[in-house]
Amino acid sequence: MQITPAIFIVLFVSYLIISFFMGMLIHSSFVYETKRNLDKNSSKAWMLCMFAGLGITAWMFIYGYHANFVWNTGS
């Protein structure tokens, strides 16, 4: 299998898209359910949730890499 720049572009774009939607899920649960006194357009809550989305998605990508390629080496 050849690793081309297109593969890295697709992985990076998919990482950003998944991170954004993960952050949106966290933001909706954080603002609308947990913290009712937070403003719905709070930039502090928005940035916190987007960074949480980045972290969760990074963990999913790293865990998937290890589960599929590192732990399954057969050695």
Protein backbone atom coordinates (compact mmCIF):
# COMPACT_ATOMS: atom_id res chain seq x y z
CA MET A 1 0.00 0.00 0.00
CA GLN A 2 1.37 3.35 -0.98
CA ILE A 3 0.84 6.28 1.34
CA THR A 4 0.11 9.31 -0.75
CA PRO A 5 -0.45 12.93 0.26
CA ALA A 6 -4.12 12.46 -0.62
CA ILE A 7 -4.44 9.94 2.22
CA PHE A 8 -3.08 12.47 4.71
CA ILE A 9 -5.39 15.17 3.38
CA VAL A 10 -8.43 12.89 3.70
CA LEU A 11 -7.41 11.88 7.24
CA PHE A 12 -6.84 15.48 8.30
CA VAL A 13 -10.11 16.74 6.85
CA SER A 14 -12.07 13.85 8.33
CA TYR A 15 -10.39 14.50 11.70
CA LEU A 16 -11.47 18.15 11.60
CA ILE A 17 -15.03 17.29 10.57
CA ILE A 18 -15.44 14.62 13.24
CA SER A 19 -13.89 16.96 15.85
CA PHE A 20 -16.30 19.74 14.93
CA PHE A 21 -19.37 17.53 15.25
CA MET A 22 -18.07 16.00 18.49
CA GLY A 23 -17.62 19.52 19.83
CA MET A 24 -21.16 20.39 18.74
CA LEU A 25 -22.50 17.38 20.66
CA ILE A 26 -20.56 18.36 23.75
CA HIS A 27 -21.63 22.00 23.39
CA SER A 28 -25.31 21.13 23.17
CA SER A 29 -25.17 18.90 26.21
CA PHE A 30 -22.98 21.33 28.18
CA VAL A 31 -24.92 24.50 27.49
CA TYR A 32 -28.48 23.25 27.17
CA GLU A 33 -28.54 20.50 29.78
CA THR A 34 -25.81 20.92 32.38
CA LYS A 35 -25.24 24.65 32.72
CA ARG A 36 -28.54 26.38 32.28
CA ASN A 37 -27.12 29.71 33.44
CA LEU A 38 -24.56 29.82 30.59
CA ASP A 39 -25.33 31.97 27.62
CA LYS A 40 -26.01 29.90 24.52
CA ASN A 41 -23.60 32.06 22.50
CA SER A 42 -20.83 32.01 25.11
CA SER A 43 -17.43 31.94 23.41
CA LYS A 44 -15.87 30.43 26.55
CA ALA A 45 -18.22 27.44 26.41
CA TRP A 46 -17.81 27.16 22.63
CA MET A 47 -13.99 27.05 22.79
CA LEU A 48 -14.02 24.62 25.71
CA CYS A 49 -16.31 22.26 23.84
CA MET A 50 -14.33 22.51 20.59
CA PHE A 51 -11.10 21.64 22.42
CA ALA A 52 -12.88 18.75 24.13
CA GLY A 53 -14.05 17.58 20.69
CA LEU A 54 -10.47 17.76 19.39
CA GLY A 55 -9.21 15.76 22.36
CA ILE A 56 -11.86 13.06 22.13
CA THR A 57 -11.37 12.69 18.40
CA ALA A 58 -7.59 12.58 18.79
CA TRP A 59 -8.02 9.80 21.34
CA MET A 60 -10.30 7.90 18.94
CA PHE A 61 -7.83 8.22 16.05
CA ILE A 62 -4.81 7.25 18.19
CA TYR A 63 -6.65 4.34 19.80
CA GLY A 64 -7.84 3.13 16.41
CA TYR A 65 -4.32 3.31 15.03
CA HIS A 66 -2.93 1.30 17.94
CA ALA A 67 -5.75 -1.23 17.91
CA ASN A 68 -5.44 -1.86 14.18
CA PHE A 69 -1.72 -1.53 13.49
CA VAL A 70 0.37 -1.68 16.67
CA TRP A 71 -1.37 -4.36 18.74
CA ASN A 72 -2.12 -6.60 15.75
CA THR A 73 1.45 -7.04 14.58
CA GLY A 74 1.35 -10.76 15.35
CA SER A 75 4.74 -10.79 17.06
